Amino acid sequence: MSFDDPADNKAFKEKFDFPYPLLSDPSKSVGTNYGVLRDPSEQFADFPKRISYLISPEGIIVKSYEVADPAGHAEAVLEDLIAAQQ
């Protein structure tokens, strides 16, 4: 989810041919609830922190990740998902 408006997200999705919709939160209300807002004095304050959540089928946040390495992030989440199912 980004703070960009839906039209910008749609253009970004189409540019990179993502097979799924991108969510927009221009009011930053969801971002506030999930704790991704940056301090206004921080560099890139207008962008959300890169945080993702592993959410159970019951809607419970199982784990949160501050994403430092986007390239390796999916593998880490998959490992945790597999571990949670055992």
Protein backbone atom coordinates (compact mmCIF):
# COMPACT_ATOMS: atom_id res chain seq x y z
CA MET A 1 0.00 0.00 0.00
CA SER A 2 1.31 3.43 -0.80
CA PHE A 3 0.24 6.96 -0.08
CA ASP A 4 -0.06 7.60 -3.82
CA ASP A 5 -3.48 8.20 -5.31
CA PRO A 6 -5.27 5.35 -7.12
CA ALA A 7 -4.49 6.73 -10.60
CA ASP A 8 -0.74 6.83 -9.87
CA ASN A 9 -0.83 3.32 -8.45
CA LYS A 10 -2.73 2.06 -11.50
CA ALA A 11 -0.11 3.59 -13.82
CA PHE A 12 2.70 2.04 -11.76
CA LYS A 13 0.97 -1.36 -11.84
CA GLU A 14 0.55 -1.18 -15.60
CA LYS A 15 4.13 0.02 -16.17
CA PHE A 16 5.55 -3.00 -14.34
CA ASP A 17 2.77 -5.41 -15.42
CA PHE A 18 1.86 -6.52 -11.88
CA PRO A 19 -0.84 -9.22 -11.96
CA TYR A 20 -2.58 -7.76 -8.89
CA PRO A 21 -4.04 -4.39 -7.89
CA LEU A 22 -2.07 -1.96 -5.75
CA LEU A 23 -3.73 -0.36 -2.76
CA SER A 24 -3.75 3.38 -2.16
CA ASP A 25 -3.94 5.24 1.14
CA PRO A 26 -3.66 8.92 0.22
CA SER A 27 -5.28 9.96 3.52
CA LYS A 28 -2.64 7.91 5.39
CA SER A 29 -5.34 6.53 7.71
CA VAL A 30 -4.42 2.87 7.17
CA GLY A 31 -0.73 3.75 7.36
CA THR A 32 -1.34 5.41 10.70
CA ASN A 33 -3.05 2.27 12.06
CA TYR A 34 -0.22 0.03 10.85
CA GLY A 35 2.56 2.28 12.15
CA VAL A 36 4.25 3.03 8.83
CA LEU A 37 4.30 6.82 8.98
CA ARG A 38 7.72 8.41 9.23
CA ASP A 39 8.59 11.30 11.49
CA PRO A 40 7.93 14.53 9.55
CA SER A 41 11.58 15.55 10.04
CA GLU A 42 12.85 12.31 8.43
CA GLN A 43 14.11 12.05 4.91
CA PHE A 44 11.33 10.60 2.71
CA ALA A 45 8.70 11.60 5.30
CA ASP A 46 6.02 11.51 2.59
CA PHE A 47 6.59 7.81 1.98
CA PRO A 48 5.54 4.94 4.26
CA LYS A 49 8.17 2.79 5.92
CA ARG A 50 8.71 -0.50 4.11
CA ILE A 51 6.92 -2.81 6.48
CA SER A 52 5.03 -5.95 5.60
CA TYR A 53 2.87 -8.20 7.72
CA LEU A 54 2.25 -11.93 7.81
CA ILE A 55 -1.46 -12.15 8.62
CA SER A 56 -3.22 -15.37 9.61
CA PRO A 57 -6.47 -16.53 7.96
CA GLU A 58 -8.18 -15.27 11.14
CA GLY A 59 -6.83 -11.75 10.50
CA ILE A 60 -4.22 -11.83 13.28
CA ILE A 61 -0.82 -10.26 12.59
CA VAL A 62 1.60 -13.14 13.12
CA LYS A 63 4.77 -11.22 12.33
CA SER A 64 5.84 -7.83 11.04
CA TYR A 65 8.91 -7.15 8.93
CA GLU A 66 10.82 -3.91 8.45
CA VAL A 67 12.03 -4.57 4.93
CA ALA A 68 15.70 -3.72 4.56
CA ASP A 69 16.43 -6.17 1.71
CA PRO A 70 13.55 -6.27 -0.79
CA ALA A 71 15.30 -8.93 -2.89
CA GLY A 72 15.47 -11.44 -0.03
CA HIS A 73 12.26 -10.46 1.72
CA ALA A 74 9.88 -12.88 0.00
CA GLU A 75 12.08 -15.85 0.91
CA ALA A 76 12.12 -14.84 4.59
CA VAL A 77 8.33 -14.49 4.66
CA LEU A 78 7.85 -17.86 2.96
CA GLU A 79 10.12 -19.53 5.52
CA ASP A 80 8.06 -18.03 8.35
CA LEU A 81 4.81 -19.02 6.65
CA ILE A 82 5.96 -22.62 6.30
CA ALA A 83 7.16 -22.68 9.92
CA ALA A 84 3.80 -21.28 11.13
CA GLN A 85 1.89 -24.04 9.33
CA GLN A 86 3.86 -26.87 10.98
